[in-house]
């Protein structure tokens, strides 16, 4: 995660160096070298994703200039990255908060027996009915026909077994450490709220769409509440994408590993233009698009 960017671009290397300094440990080594079991620990994965996403943005801005941003959003942890990009908090302050969030959520996972499952091909009404019947929570509304439920493992397994009875085409257990975005994260919800309480927050330079509400948050109080509630609340990602489209976003940049969000956007609005940026090759392709379509030369 981010190693080739850091080797190629000083801006990216500097962010990873600052992250190591702030955290007092070699997050960069875990991100670049693993092992994968260590990287995928919640306490490591969340800060690594945060730094990687901002490293991609840093290099894009250095090469392509300060291109205009109509709005931004991030799925779960990515919302914190979006706020850092918008100047709601500094890179360093955001990183400290993100590491705390990761540690609190990892502890909540260890203290509970949780699981998550993807419901494919069912509408929200059907999935909510199943979730109520199984006594679990709706964790993610990712895209039309793709919803994730979360809760106690035995109850999630029972819900998977009964999914077809509710007209859901396919139900699959996810390989995750616990029941994120569910009531089982209650301890982390409280702890994240405490960490945010004394944090200095600024008005974002561009609109940030909240996972919890699917609309913009602007005041410090709204942002604190949204980031805290996100730990246990449903991630309304479809609403976030619809809101960004309504605000006039016509080119989406996905910053970070993989291209999952690009796929979710296509399910939400077929034909929407999106570029995924995670490494040197994809970044260079994005720079060309920005230079020709968004910031053309005079």
C-alpha atoms as a PDB file:
ATOM      1  CA  UNK A   1       0.000   0.000   0.000  1.00  0.00           C
ATOM      2  CA  UNK A   2       1.651   3.172  -1.237  1.00  0.00           C
ATOM      3  CA  UNK A   3       5.217   1.886  -1.490  1.00  0.00           C
ATOM      4  CA  UNK A   4       5.653   2.625  -5.196  1.00  0.00           C
ATOM      5  CA  UNK A   5       4.159   6.097  -4.692  1.00  0.00           C
ATOM      6  CA  UNK A   6       6.635   6.829  -1.894  1.00  0.00           C
ATOM      7  CA  UNK A   7       9.562   5.584  -3.987  1.00  0.00           C
ATOM      8  CA  UNK A   8       8.543   7.747  -6.937  1.00  0.00           C
ATOM      9  CA  UNK A   9       7.198  10.914  -5.322  1.00  0.00           C
ATOM     10  CA  UNK A  10       8.707  12.835  -2.361  1.00  0.00           C
ATOM     11  CA  UNK A  11       5.250  14.130  -1.367  1.00  0.00           C
ATOM     12  CA  UNK A  12       4.001  10.606  -0.695  1.00  0.00           C
ATOM     13  CA  UNK A  13       7.202   9.565   1.079  1.00  0.00           C
ATOM     14  CA  UNK A  14       6.929  12.606   3.349  1.00  0.00           C
ATOM     15  CA  UNK A  15       3.384  11.707   4.428  1.00  0.00           C
ATOM     16  CA  UNK A  16       4.422   8.181   5.377  1.00  0.00           C
ATOM     17  CA  UNK A  17       7.456   9.605   7.233  1.00  0.00           C
ATOM     18  CA  UNK A  18       5.233  12.039   9.149  1.00  0.00           C
ATOM     19  CA  UNK A  19       2.821   9.213   9.956  1.00  0.00           C
ATOM     20  CA  UNK A  20       5.625   7.122  11.448  1.00  0.00           C
ATOM     21  CA  UNK A  21       6.734  10.122  13.508  1.00  0.00           C
ATOM     22  CA  UNK A  22       3.239  10.949  14.771  1.00  0.00           C
ATOM     23  CA  UNK A  23       2.435   7.357  15.728  1.00  0.00           C
ATOM     24  CA  UNK A  24       5.873   6.576  17.113  1.00  0.00           C
ATOM     25  CA  UNK A  25       6.076   3.341  15.142  1.00  0.00           C
ATOM     26  CA  UNK A  26       6.810   2.173  11.593  1.00  0.00           C
ATOM     27  CA  UNK A  27       3.348   2.171  10.044  1.00  0.00           C
ATOM     28  CA  UNK A  28       5.092   2.560   6.668  1.00  0.00           C
ATOM     29  CA  UNK A  29       6.840  -0.812   7.038  1.00  0.00           C
ATOM     30  CA  UNK A  30       3.551  -2.550   7.817  1.00  0.00           C
ATOM     31  CA  UNK A  31       1.824  -0.846   4.867  1.00  0.00           C
ATOM     32  CA  UNK A  32       4.638  -1.643   2.433  1.00  0.00           C
ATOM     33  CA  UNK A  33       5.879  -5.022   3.636  1.00  0.00           C
ATOM     34  CA  UNK A  34       3.154  -6.575   5.766  1.00  0.00           C
ATOM     35  CA  UNK A  35       2.772  -9.312   6.716  1.00  0.00           C
ATOM     36  CA  UNK A  36      -0.841  -9.210   5.548  1.00  0.00           C
ATOM     37  CA  UNK A  37      -2.081 -10.492   8.927  1.00  0.00           C
ATOM     38  CA  UNK A  38      -0.547  -7.454  10.598  1.00  0.00           C
ATOM     39  CA  UNK A  39      -1.704  -4.974   7.959  1.00  0.00           C
ATOM     40  CA  UNK A  40      -5.316  -6.162   8.095  1.00  0.00           C
ATOM     41  CA  UNK A  41      -5.547  -5.675  11.862  1.00  0.00           C
ATOM     42  CA  UNK A  42      -8.094  -2.892  12.351  1.00  0.00           C
ATOM     43  CA  UNK A  43      -5.629  -0.824  14.404  1.00  0.00           C
ATOM     44  CA  UNK A  44      -3.147  -0.850  11.507  1.00  0.00           C
ATOM     45  CA  UNK A  45      -5.426  -1.006   8.485  1.00  0.00           C
ATOM     46  CA  UNK A  46      -7.378   2.152   9.286  1.00  0.00           C
ATOM     47  CA  UNK A  47      -4.380   4.509   9.667  1.00  0.00           C
ATOM     48  CA  UNK A  48      -2.691   2.864   6.670  1.00  0.00           C
ATOM     49  CA  UNK A  49      -5.754   3.500   4.492  1.00  0.00           C
ATOM     50  CA  UNK A  50      -5.903   7.097   5.730  1.00  0.00           C
ATOM     51  CA  UNK A  51      -2.257   7.800   4.857  1.00  0.00           C
ATOM     52  CA  UNK A  52      -2.434   5.987   1.513  1.00  0.00           C
ATOM     53  CA  UNK A  53      -5.500   7.930   0.370  1.00  0.00           C
ATOM     54  CA  UNK A  54      -3.989  11.274   1.333  1.00  0.00           C
ATOM     55  CA  UNK A  55      -0.683  10.324  -0.307  1.00  0.00           C
ATOM     56  CA  UNK A  56      -2.542   9.730  -3.581  1.00  0.00           C
ATOM     57  CA  UNK A  57      -4.240  13.113  -3.239  1.00  0.00           C
ATOM     58  CA  UNK A  58      -0.986  14.872  -2.327  1.00  0.00           C
ATOM     59  CA  UNK A  59       0.766  13.659  -5.465  1.00  0.00           C
ATOM     60  CA  UNK A  60      -2.238  14.450  -7.667  1.00  0.00           C
ATOM     61  CA  UNK A  61      -2.314  18.015  -6.372  1.00  0.00           C
ATOM     62  CA  UNK A  62       1.443  18.415  -6.807  1.00  0.00           C
ATOM     63  CA  UNK A  63       1.367  17.277 -10.424  1.00  0.00           C
ATOM     64  CA  UNK A  64      -2.060  18.401 -11.648  1.00  0.00           C
ATOM     65  CA  UNK A  65      -2.411  21.513  -9.505  1.00  0.00           C
ATOM     66  CA  UNK A  66      -5.241  22.515  -7.177  1.00  0.00           C
ATOM     67  CA  UNK A  67      -8.061  21.064  -9.264  1.00  0.00           C
ATOM     68  CA  UNK A  68     -11.574  22.071  -8.150  1.00  0.00           C
ATOM     69  CA  UNK A  69     -13.490  19.751  -5.822  1.00  0.00           C
ATOM     70  CA  UNK A  70     -17.287  19.948  -5.840  1.00  0.00           C
ATOM     71  CA  UNK A  71     -17.760  17.521  -2.934  1.00  0.00           C
ATOM     72  CA  UNK A  72     -16.164  14.502  -1.280  1.00  0.00           C
ATOM     73  CA  UNK A  73     -17.208  11.415   0.642  1.00  0.00           C
ATOM     74  CA  UNK A  74     -15.575   8.308   2.009  1.00  0.00           C
ATOM     75  CA  UNK A  75     -16.995   4.937   2.928  1.00  0.00           C
ATOM     76  CA  UNK A  76     -16.545   4.383   6.667  1.00  0.00           C
ATOM     77  CA  UNK A  77     -12.850   5.118   7.419  1.00  0.00           C
ATOM     78  CA  UNK A  78     -12.665   7.017   4.124  1.00  0.00           C
ATOM     79  CA  UNK A  79     -14.911   9.733   5.529  1.00  0.00           C
ATOM     80  CA  UNK A  80     -12.080  10.680   7.880  1.00  0.00           C
ATOM     81  CA  UNK A  81      -9.715  10.855   4.904  1.00  0.00           C
ATOM     82  CA  UNK A  82     -12.201  13.112   3.107  1.00  0.00           C
ATOM     83  CA  UNK A  83     -12.328  15.459   6.093  1.00  0.00           C
ATOM     84  CA  UNK A  84      -8.529  15.652   6.212  1.00  0.00           C
ATOM     85  CA  UNK A  85      -8.492  16.460   2.488  1.00  0.00           C
ATOM     86  CA  UNK A  86     -10.998  19.264   3.116  1.00  0.00           C
ATOM     87  CA  UNK A  87      -8.993  20.705   6.025  1.00  0.00           C
ATOM     88  CA  UNK A  88     -11.510  19.835   8.742  1.00  0.00           C
ATOM     89  CA  UNK A  89      -8.514  18.693  10.773  1.00  0.00           C
ATOM     90  CA  UNK A  90      -4.803  18.497  10.078  1.00  0.00           C
ATOM     91  CA  UNK A  91      -3.150  15.370   8.695  1.00  0.00           C
ATOM     92  CA  UNK A  92      -1.552  14.736  12.080  1.00  0.00           C
ATOM     93  CA  UNK A  93      -4.674  15.302  14.186  1.00  0.00           C
ATOM     94  CA  UNK A  94      -6.757  13.158  11.855  1.00  0.00           C
ATOM     95  CA  UNK A  95      -4.172  10.374  11.966  1.00  0.00           C
ATOM     96  CA  UNK A  96      -4.185  10.325  15.769  1.00  0.00           C
ATOM     97  CA  UNK A  97      -7.980  10.126  15.792  1.00  0.00           C
ATOM     98  CA  UNK A  98      -8.024   7.427  13.134  1.00  0.00           C
ATOM     99  CA  UNK A  99      -5.523   5.298  15.039  1.00  0.00           C
ATOM    100  CA  UNK A 100      -7.639   5.624  18.168  1.00  0.00           C
ATOM    101  CA  UNK A 101     -10.749   4.687  16.192  1.00  0.00           C
ATOM    102  CA  UNK A 102      -8.980   1.603  14.861  1.00  0.00           C
ATOM    103  CA  UNK A 103      -7.833   0.521  18.302  1.00  0.00           C
ATOM    104  CA  UNK A 104     -11.274   1.025  19.831  1.00  0.00           C
ATOM    105  CA  UNK A 105     -12.985  -0.901  17.050  1.00  0.00           C
ATOM    106  CA  UNK A 106     -10.421  -3.711  17.236  1.00  0.00           C
ATOM    107  CA  UNK A 107     -11.065  -3.990  20.970  1.00  0.00           C
ATOM    108  CA  UNK A 108     -14.816  -4.092  20.380  1.00  0.00           C
ATOM    109  CA  UNK A 109     -14.306  -6.885  17.842  1.00  0.00           C
ATOM    110  CA  UNK A 110     -12.237  -8.866  20.339  1.00  0.00           C
ATOM    111  CA  UNK A 111     -14.859  -8.453  23.059  1.00  0.00           C
ATOM    112  CA  UNK A 112     -17.749  -9.688  20.915  1.00  0.00           C
ATOM    113  CA  UNK A 113     -18.441 -12.521  18.497  1.00  0.00           C
ATOM    114  CA  UNK A 114     -19.527 -10.578  15.449  1.00  0.00           C
ATOM    115  CA  UNK A 115     -19.856 -11.102  11.727  1.00  0.00           C
ATOM    116  CA  UNK A 116     -21.117  -9.378   8.586  1.00  0.00           C
ATOM    117  CA  UNK A 117     -22.804 -10.649   5.443  1.00  0.00           C
ATOM    118  CA  UNK A 118     -23.519  -9.191   2.022  1.00  0.00           C
ATOM    119  CA  UNK A 119     -27.073  -9.425   0.700  1.00  0.00           C
ATOM    120  CA  UNK A 120     -26.996  -9.385  -3.089  1.00  0.00           C
ATOM    121  CA  UNK A 121     -30.078  -8.932  -5.235  1.00  0.00           C
ATOM    122  CA  UNK A 122     -32.524  -7.893  -2.531  1.00  0.00           C
ATOM    123  CA  UNK A 123     -34.161  -4.505  -1.995  1.00  0.00           C
ATOM    124  CA  UNK A 124     -33.835  -2.493   1.206  1.00  0.00           C
ATOM    125  CA  UNK A 125     -37.312  -3.368   2.464  1.00  0.00           C
ATOM    126  CA  UNK A 126     -36.628  -7.103   2.179  1.00  0.00           C
ATOM    127  CA  UNK A 127     -33.193  -6.863   3.813  1.00  0.00           C
ATOM    128  CA  UNK A 128     -34.497  -4.738   6.684  1.00  0.00           C
ATOM    129  CA  UNK A 129     -37.285  -7.263   7.270  1.00  0.00           C
ATOM    130  CA  UNK A 130     -34.700 -10.066   7.419  1.00  0.00           C
ATOM    131  CA  UNK A 131     -32.444  -8.014   9.720  1.00  0.00           C
ATOM    132  CA  UNK A 132     -35.341  -7.323  12.108  1.00  0.00           C
ATOM    133  CA  UNK A 133     -36.336 -10.984  12.109  1.00  0.00           C
ATOM    134  CA  UNK A 134     -32.744 -12.085  12.841  1.00  0.00           C
ATOM    135  CA  UNK A 135     -32.113  -9.273  15.371  1.00  0.00           C
ATOM    136  CA  UNK A 136     -29.119  -7.849  13.495  1.00  0.00           C
ATOM    137  CA  UNK A 137     -28.343  -4.426  12.010  1.00  0.00           C
ATOM    138  CA  UNK A 138     -28.180  -3.047   8.483  1.00  0.00           C
ATOM    139  CA  UNK A 139     -24.550  -1.904   8.248  1.00  0.00           C
ATOM    140  CA  UNK A 140     -24.108  -0.689   4.672  1.00  0.00           C
ATOM    141  CA  UNK A 141     -26.427   0.428   1.886  1.00  0.00           C
ATOM    142  CA  UNK A 142     -23.644   0.184  -0.678  1.00  0.00           C
ATOM    143  CA  UNK A 143     -25.529   0.272  -3.987  1.00  0.00           C
ATOM    144  CA  UNK A 144     -28.848  -0.862  -5.389  1.00  0.00           C
ATOM    145  CA  UNK A 145     -29.034  -4.600  -4.777  1.00  0.00           C
ATOM    146  CA  UNK A 146     -25.981  -4.666  -2.475  1.00  0.00           C
ATOM    147  CA  UNK A 147     -26.636  -4.317   1.250  1.00  0.00           C
ATOM    148  CA  UNK A 148     -24.558  -5.540   4.201  1.00  0.00           C
ATOM    149  CA  UNK A 149     -25.902  -6.735   7.564  1.00  0.00           C
ATOM    150  CA  UNK A 150     -23.917  -6.923  10.801  1.00  0.00           C
ATOM    151  CA  UNK A 151     -24.330  -8.424  14.259  1.00  0.00           C
ATOM    152  CA  UNK A 152     -23.726 -11.465  16.431  1.00  0.00           C
ATOM    153  CA  UNK A 153     -22.183 -14.278  14.391  1.00  0.00           C
ATOM    154  CA  UNK A 154     -24.838 -16.881  15.127  1.00  0.00           C
ATOM    155  CA  UNK A 155     -27.600 -14.442  14.180  1.00  0.00           C
ATOM    156  CA  UNK A 156     -25.825 -13.400  10.962  1.00  0.00           C
ATOM    157  CA  UNK A 157     -25.386 -17.049   9.989  1.00  0.00           C
ATOM    158  CA  UNK A 158     -29.103 -17.624  10.613  1.00  0.00           C
ATOM    159  CA  UNK A 159     -29.950 -14.602   8.465  1.00  0.00           C
ATOM    160  CA  UNK A 160     -27.782 -15.922   5.629  1.00  0.00           C
ATOM    161  CA  UNK A 161     -29.612 -19.246   5.803  1.00  0.00           C
ATOM    162  CA  UNK A 162     -33.004 -17.516   5.556  1.00  0.00           C
ATOM    163  CA  UNK A 163     -32.129 -14.890   2.941  1.00  0.00           C
ATOM    164  CA  UNK A 164     -33.808 -16.646   0.007  1.00  0.00           C
ATOM    165  CA  UNK A 165     -37.074 -16.774   1.957  1.00  0.00           C
ATOM    166  CA  UNK A 166     -37.048 -12.959   1.751  1.00  0.00           C
ATOM    167  CA  UNK A 167     -36.396 -12.867  -1.993  1.00  0.00           C
ATOM    168  CA  UNK A 168     -32.685 -12.127  -1.658  1.00  0.00           C
ATOM    169  CA  UNK A 169     -30.796 -13.773  -4.494  1.00  0.00           C
ATOM    170  CA  UNK A 170     -27.520 -14.432  -2.687  1.00  0.00           C
ATOM    171  CA  UNK A 171     -26.175 -14.011   0.857  1.00  0.00           C
ATOM    172  CA  UNK A 172     -22.475 -14.313   1.636  1.00  0.00           C
ATOM    173  CA  UNK A 173     -20.543 -14.093   4.899  1.00  0.00           C
ATOM    174  CA  UNK A 174     -17.750 -11.513   4.694  1.00  0.00           C
ATOM    175  CA  UNK A 175     -14.170 -12.070   5.812  1.00  0.00           C
ATOM    176  CA  UNK A 176     -14.027  -9.328   8.447  1.00  0.00           C
ATOM    177  CA  UNK A 177     -12.814  -9.128  12.032  1.00  0.00           C
ATOM    178  CA  UNK A 178     -16.154  -8.265  13.590  1.00  0.00           C
ATOM    179  CA  UNK A 179     -19.544  -6.610  13.361  1.00  0.00           C
ATOM    180  CA  UNK A 180     -18.716  -3.111  12.142  1.00  0.00           C
ATOM    181  CA  UNK A 181     -21.490  -0.504  11.954  1.00  0.00           C
ATOM    182  CA  UNK A 182     -23.668  -2.399  14.396  1.00  0.00           C
ATOM    183  CA  UNK A 183     -24.696  -2.253  18.048  1.00  0.00           C
ATOM    184  CA  UNK A 184     -21.713  -4.500  18.848  1.00  0.00           C
ATOM    185  CA  UNK A 185     -19.476  -1.446  18.312  1.00  0.00           C
ATOM    186  CA  UNK A 186     -21.148   0.442  21.187  1.00  0.00           C
ATOM    187  CA  UNK A 187     -17.960   0.672  23.258  1.00  0.00           C
ATOM    188  CA  UNK A 188     -16.032   2.105  20.296  1.00  0.00           C
ATOM    189  CA  UNK A 189     -18.886   4.556  19.620  1.00  0.00           C
ATOM    190  CA  UNK A 190     -18.530   5.964  23.128  1.00  0.00           C
ATOM    191  CA  UNK A 191     -14.722   6.096  22.990  1.00  0.00           C
ATOM    192  CA  UNK A 192     -14.603   7.763  19.552  1.00  0.00           C
ATOM    193  CA  UNK A 193     -17.047  10.377  20.841  1.00  0.00           C
ATOM    194  CA  UNK A 194     -14.759  11.087  23.782  1.00  0.00           C
ATOM    195  CA  UNK A 195     -11.733  11.411  21.486  1.00  0.00           C
ATOM    196  CA  UNK A 196     -13.598  13.824  19.211  1.00  0.00           C
ATOM    197  CA  UNK A 197     -14.968  15.968  22.016  1.00  0.00           C
ATOM    198  CA  UNK A 198     -11.834  18.071  22.486  1.00  0.00           C
ATOM    199  CA  UNK A 199     -10.595  17.917  18.893  1.00  0.00           C
ATOM    200  CA  UNK A 200     -10.203  21.168  16.990  1.00  0.00           C
ATOM    201  CA  UNK A 201     -12.320  21.075  13.826  1.00  0.00           C
ATOM    202  CA  UNK A 202     -12.562  23.624  11.019  1.00  0.00           C
ATOM    203  CA  UNK A 203     -15.286  24.205   8.453  1.00  0.00           C
ATOM    204  CA  UNK A 204     -14.473  21.930   5.472  1.00  0.00           C
ATOM    205  CA  UNK A 205     -13.181  23.773   2.384  1.00  0.00           C
ATOM    206  CA  UNK A 206     -15.616  21.799   0.239  1.00  0.00           C
ATOM    207  CA  UNK A 207     -18.759  19.808   1.106  1.00  0.00           C
ATOM    208  CA  UNK A 208     -18.237  16.483   2.878  1.00  0.00           C
ATOM    209  CA  UNK A 209     -21.164  14.083   2.635  1.00  0.00           C
ATOM    210  CA  UNK A 210     -21.873  12.143   5.835  1.00  0.00           C
ATOM    211  CA  UNK A 211     -22.215   8.357   5.777  1.00  0.00           C
ATOM    212  CA  UNK A 212     -24.917   8.585   8.423  1.00  0.00           C
ATOM    213  CA  UNK A 213     -27.189  11.182   6.793  1.00  0.00           C
ATOM    214  CA  UNK A 214     -26.218  11.159   3.117  1.00  0.00           C
ATOM    215  CA  UNK A 215     -25.992  14.979   3.108  1.00  0.00           C
ATOM    216  CA  UNK A 216     -23.390  17.637   3.905  1.00  0.00           C
ATOM    217  CA  UNK A 217     -22.087  18.332   7.406  1.00  0.00           C
ATOM    218  CA  UNK A 218     -20.549  21.737   8.099  1.00  0.00           C
ATOM    219  CA  UNK A 219     -20.438  22.759  11.754  1.00  0.00           C
ATOM    220  CA  UNK A 220     -17.981  21.248  14.228  1.00  0.00           C
ATOM    221  CA  UNK A 221     -20.875  19.841  16.276  1.00  0.00           C
ATOM    222  CA  UNK A 222     -22.434  18.177  13.227  1.00  0.00           C
ATOM    223  CA  UNK A 223     -19.118  16.683  12.147  1.00  0.00           C
ATOM    224  CA  UNK A 224     -18.326  15.313  15.612  1.00  0.00           C
ATOM    225  CA  UNK A 225     -21.759  13.728  15.884  1.00  0.00           C
ATOM    226  CA  UNK A 226     -21.612  12.261  12.372  1.00  0.00           C
ATOM    227  CA  UNK A 227     -18.152  10.738  12.840  1.00  0.00           C
ATOM    228  CA  UNK A 228     -19.112   9.274  16.209  1.00  0.00           C
ATOM    229  CA  UNK A 229     -22.460   7.882  15.058  1.00  0.00           C
ATOM    230  CA  UNK A 230     -20.843   6.372  11.971  1.00  0.00           C
ATOM    231  CA  UNK A 231     -19.235   3.709  14.206  1.00  0.00           C
ATOM    232  CA  UNK A 232     -22.582   2.038  14.919  1.00  0.00           C
ATOM    233  CA  UNK A 233     -24.931   3.520  12.293  1.00  0.00           C
ATOM    234  CA  UNK A 234     -25.778   2.387   8.773  1.00  0.00           C
ATOM    235  CA  UNK A 235     -23.404   3.643   6.076  1.00  0.00           C
ATOM    236  CA  UNK A 236     -25.779   5.172   3.519  1.00  0.00           C
ATOM    237  CA  UNK A 237     -23.315   5.018   0.646  1.00  0.00           C
ATOM    238  CA  UNK A 238     -25.933   4.991  -2.113  1.00  0.00           C
ATOM    239  CA  UNK A 239     -27.366   8.223  -0.687  1.00  0.00           C
ATOM    240  CA  UNK A 240     -23.856   9.727  -0.528  1.00  0.00           C
ATOM    241  CA  UNK A 241     -23.274   9.022  -4.218  1.00  0.00           C
ATOM    242  CA  UNK A 242     -26.710  10.292  -5.210  1.00  0.00           C
ATOM    243  CA  UNK A 243     -26.078  13.490  -3.269  1.00  0.00           C
ATOM    244  CA  UNK A 244     -22.721  14.070  -4.960  1.00  0.00           C
ATOM    245  CA  UNK A 245     -24.334  13.533  -8.352  1.00  0.00           C
ATOM    246  CA  UNK A 246     -27.070  16.018  -7.420  1.00  0.00           C
ATOM    247  CA  UNK A 247     -24.404  18.571  -6.452  1.00  0.00           C
ATOM    248  CA  UNK A 248     -22.989  18.331  -9.979  1.00  0.00           C
ATOM    249  CA  UNK A 249     -20.087  15.906  -9.588  1.00  0.00           C
ATOM    250  CA  UNK A 250     -19.319  14.554 -13.060  1.00  0.00           C
ATOM    251  CA  UNK A 251     -15.866  13.012 -12.511  1.00  0.00           C
ATOM    252  CA  UNK A 252     -15.216  10.867  -9.433  1.00  0.00           C
ATOM    253  CA  UNK A 253     -11.745  10.035  -8.107  1.00  0.00           C
ATOM    254  CA  UNK A 254     -11.425   6.964  -5.891  1.00  0.00           C
ATOM    255  CA  UNK A 255      -8.239   7.322  -3.844  1.00  0.00           C
ATOM    256  CA  UNK A 256      -6.890   4.187  -2.180  1.00  0.00           C
ATOM    257  CA  UNK A 257      -6.371   0.484  -2.845  1.00  0.00           C
ATOM    258  CA  UNK A 258      -8.655  -1.339  -5.260  1.00  0.00           C
ATOM    259  CA  UNK A 259     -11.629  -0.167  -7.272  1.00  0.00           C
ATOM    260  CA  UNK A 260     -14.572  -1.346  -5.185  1.00  0.00           C
ATOM    261  CA  UNK A 261     -16.128   2.107  -4.859  1.00  0.00           C
ATOM    262  CA  UNK A 262     -15.916   2.604  -8.609  1.00  0.00           C
ATOM    263  CA  UNK A 263     -17.967  -0.552  -9.050  1.00  0.00           C
ATOM    264  CA  UNK A 264     -20.538   0.567  -6.470  1.00  0.00           C
ATOM    265  CA  UNK A 265     -20.896   3.914  -8.243  1.00  0.00           C
ATOM    266  CA  UNK A 266     -21.549   2.165 -11.553  1.00  0.00           C
ATOM    267  CA  UNK A 267     -24.310   0.150  -9.889  1.00  0.00           C
ATOM    268  CA  UNK A 268     -25.773   3.385  -8.540  1.00  0.00           C
ATOM    269  CA  UNK A 269     -25.434   5.464 -11.724  1.00  0.00           C
ATOM    270  CA  UNK A 270     -24.450   3.473 -14.775  1.00  0.00           C
ATOM    271  CA  UNK A 271     -22.029   5.393 -16.983  1.00  0.00           C
ATOM    272  CA  UNK A 272     -20.792   7.755 -14.245  1.00  0.00           C
ATOM    273  CA  UNK A 273     -17.160   8.670 -14.923  1.00  0.00           C
ATOM    274  CA  UNK A 274     -14.825   7.416 -12.203  1.00  0.00           C
ATOM    275  CA  UNK A 275     -11.060   6.912 -11.980  1.00  0.00           C
ATOM    276  CA  UNK A 276      -9.468   4.730  -9.280  1.00  0.00           C
ATOM    277  CA  UNK A 277      -6.024   5.820  -8.063  1.00  0.00           C
ATOM    278  CA  UNK A 278      -3.823   3.574  -5.913  1.00  0.00           C
ATOM    279  CA  UNK A 279      -0.353   3.344  -7.486  1.00  0.00           C
ATOM    280  CA  UNK A 280       2.001   5.118  -9.867  1.00  0.00           C
ATOM    281  CA  UNK A 281       0.416   3.787 -13.068  1.00  0.00           C
ATOM    282  CA  UNK A 282      -3.172   4.629 -12.113  1.00  0.00           C
ATOM    283  CA  UNK A 283      -2.083   8.004 -10.742  1.00  0.00           C
ATOM    284  CA  UNK A 284      -0.411   8.989 -14.006  1.00  0.00           C
ATOM    285  CA  UNK A 285      -3.555   8.056 -15.941  1.00  0.00           C
ATOM    286  CA  UNK A 286      -5.607  10.204 -13.583  1.00  0.00           C
ATOM    287  CA  UNK A 287      -3.239  13.158 -13.975  1.00  0.00           C
ATOM    288  CA  UNK A 288      -3.678  13.043 -17.751  1.00  0.00           C
ATOM    289  CA  UNK A 289      -7.448  13.056 -17.372  1.00  0.00           C
ATOM    290  CA  UNK A 290      -7.356  15.967 -14.923  1.00  0.00           C
ATOM    291  CA  UNK A 291      -5.050  17.971 -17.158  1.00  0.00           C
ATOM    292  CA  UNK A 292      -7.163  17.444 -20.272  1.00  0.00           C
ATOM    293  CA  UNK A 293     -10.683  17.509 -18.840  1.00  0.00           C
ATOM    294  CA  UNK A 294     -10.619  19.470 -15.580  1.00  0.00           C
ATOM    295  CA  UNK A 295      -7.594  21.771 -15.734  1.00  0.00           C
ATOM    296  CA  UNK A 296      -6.800  22.099 -19.448  1.00  0.00           C
ATOM    297  CA  UNK A 297      -3.813  24.261 -20.396  1.00  0.00           C
ATOM    298  CA  UNK A 298      -4.519  27.837 -21.453  1.00  0.00           C
END
